[in-house]
């Protein structure tokens, strides 16, 4: 039985998948040390863009209860939302419909 998901369900699944992937990949895998260097540059910049002062100088220390971690979670949520909407509109909205109509 073939069941087609509605557009909103596809985008919601993509959002959750992307968020869980980013969150897990940034903390649990052996590549996390490489990505942590990237996040230590991106997250303080993101906090500065949102108007947070003073600058973030304390990064992850294992507790997960730092300003850095809060902004990291917010950044992952926004990035996941943008990826889900972008992929949803580009792929599910246009390309997949063109492939189905052949």
Protein backbone atom coordinates (compact mmCIF):
# COMPACT_ATOMS: atom_id res chain seq x y z
CA UNK A 1 0.00 0.00 0.00
CA UNK A 2 1.55 3.24 -1.15
CA UNK A 3 0.74 6.21 1.04
CA UNK A 4 1.77 9.75 0.12
CA UNK A 5 2.63 12.09 2.95
CA UNK A 6 1.18 15.60 2.88
CA UNK A 7 3.66 18.41 2.26
CA UNK A 8 3.58 19.65 5.87
CA UNK A 9 4.31 16.16 7.20
CA UNK A 10 7.30 15.81 4.85
CA UNK A 11 8.73 19.18 5.89
CA UNK A 12 8.13 18.43 9.59
CA UNK A 13 9.91 15.10 9.30
CA UNK A 14 12.80 16.73 7.47
CA UNK A 15 13.04 19.42 10.19
CA UNK A 16 13.13 16.84 12.98
CA UNK A 17 15.60 14.61 11.14
CA UNK A 18 17.93 17.54 10.41
CA UNK A 19 17.75 18.87 13.96
CA UNK A 20 18.44 15.48 15.55
CA UNK A 21 21.28 14.89 13.09
CA UNK A 22 22.91 18.26 13.81
CA UNK A 23 22.50 17.94 17.56
CA UNK A 24 23.75 14.35 17.72
CA UNK A 25 26.54 14.83 15.21
CA UNK A 26 27.87 17.84 17.09
CA UNK A 27 28.11 16.01 20.43
CA UNK A 28 28.42 12.26 20.07
CA UNK A 29 30.52 11.11 17.14
CA UNK A 30 34.27 11.04 16.69
CA UNK A 31 34.06 13.85 14.13
CA UNK A 32 32.56 16.14 16.75
CA UNK A 33 35.99 17.53 17.71
CA UNK A 34 36.42 18.85 14.16
CA UNK A 35 32.95 20.34 14.03
CA UNK A 36 33.33 21.83 17.50
CA UNK A 37 36.02 24.14 16.09
CA UNK A 38 33.53 25.30 13.46
CA UNK A 39 30.74 25.77 16.01
CA UNK A 40 33.07 27.76 18.30
CA UNK A 41 33.37 30.33 15.50
CA UNK A 42 29.78 30.26 14.23
CA UNK A 43 27.84 30.27 17.51
CA UNK A 44 29.48 33.39 19.05
CA UNK A 45 28.96 35.20 15.73
CA UNK A 46 25.31 34.09 15.73
CA UNK A 47 24.87 35.31 19.33
CA UNK A 48 26.44 38.63 18.37
CA UNK A 49 24.07 38.98 15.40
CA UNK A 50 21.14 38.45 17.76
CA UNK A 51 22.50 41.21 20.00
CA UNK A 52 23.83 39.15 22.90
CA UNK A 53 26.42 40.98 25.00
CA UNK A 54 28.97 40.27 26.37
CA UNK A 55 30.70 38.02 23.87
CA UNK A 56 30.57 34.28 24.49
CA UNK A 57 33.92 33.11 25.84
CA UNK A 58 32.91 29.91 27.67
CA UNK A 59 32.25 27.06 25.28
CA UNK A 60 30.96 23.57 25.95
CA UNK A 61 32.36 22.26 29.20
CA UNK A 62 30.29 19.09 29.45
CA UNK A 63 27.33 20.42 31.40
CA UNK A 64 25.31 21.69 28.44
CA UNK A 65 24.13 24.56 30.62
CA UNK A 66 26.04 27.49 29.16
CA UNK A 67 24.98 30.43 27.04
CA UNK A 68 27.01 28.89 24.23
CA UNK A 69 24.89 25.71 24.38
CA UNK A 70 21.63 27.66 24.43
CA UNK A 71 22.60 29.60 21.33
CA UNK A 72 23.83 26.38 19.72
CA UNK A 73 20.41 24.76 20.21
CA UNK A 74 18.69 27.86 18.81
CA UNK A 75 21.09 27.92 15.84
CA UNK A 76 20.46 24.23 15.11
CA UNK A 77 16.69 24.79 15.26
CA UNK A 78 16.82 27.77 12.88
CA UNK A 79 19.24 26.01 10.51
CA UNK A 80 17.06 22.88 10.52
CA UNK A 81 13.97 24.97 9.80
CA UNK A 82 15.67 26.72 6.87
CA UNK A 83 16.95 23.43 5.46
CA UNK A 84 13.54 21.80 5.82
CA UNK A 85 11.74 24.68 4.14
CA UNK A 86 14.36 25.01 1.41
CA UNK A 87 14.48 21.32 0.57
CA UNK A 88 10.73 21.06 0.99
CA UNK A 89 10.01 23.84 -1.46
CA UNK A 90 12.69 22.88 -3.97
CA UNK A 91 12.37 19.12 -3.94
CA UNK A 92 8.92 18.25 -2.63
CA UNK A 93 7.28 21.30 -4.15
CA UNK A 94 8.68 21.36 -7.66
CA UNK A 95 11.05 18.55 -8.60
CA UNK A 96 9.07 15.67 -7.15
CA UNK A 97 5.85 16.86 -8.76
CA UNK A 98 7.59 17.03 -12.12
CA UNK A 99 8.89 13.49 -11.67
CA UNK A 100 5.48 12.19 -10.65
CA UNK A 101 3.73 13.76 -13.64
CA UNK A 102 5.87 11.93 -16.21
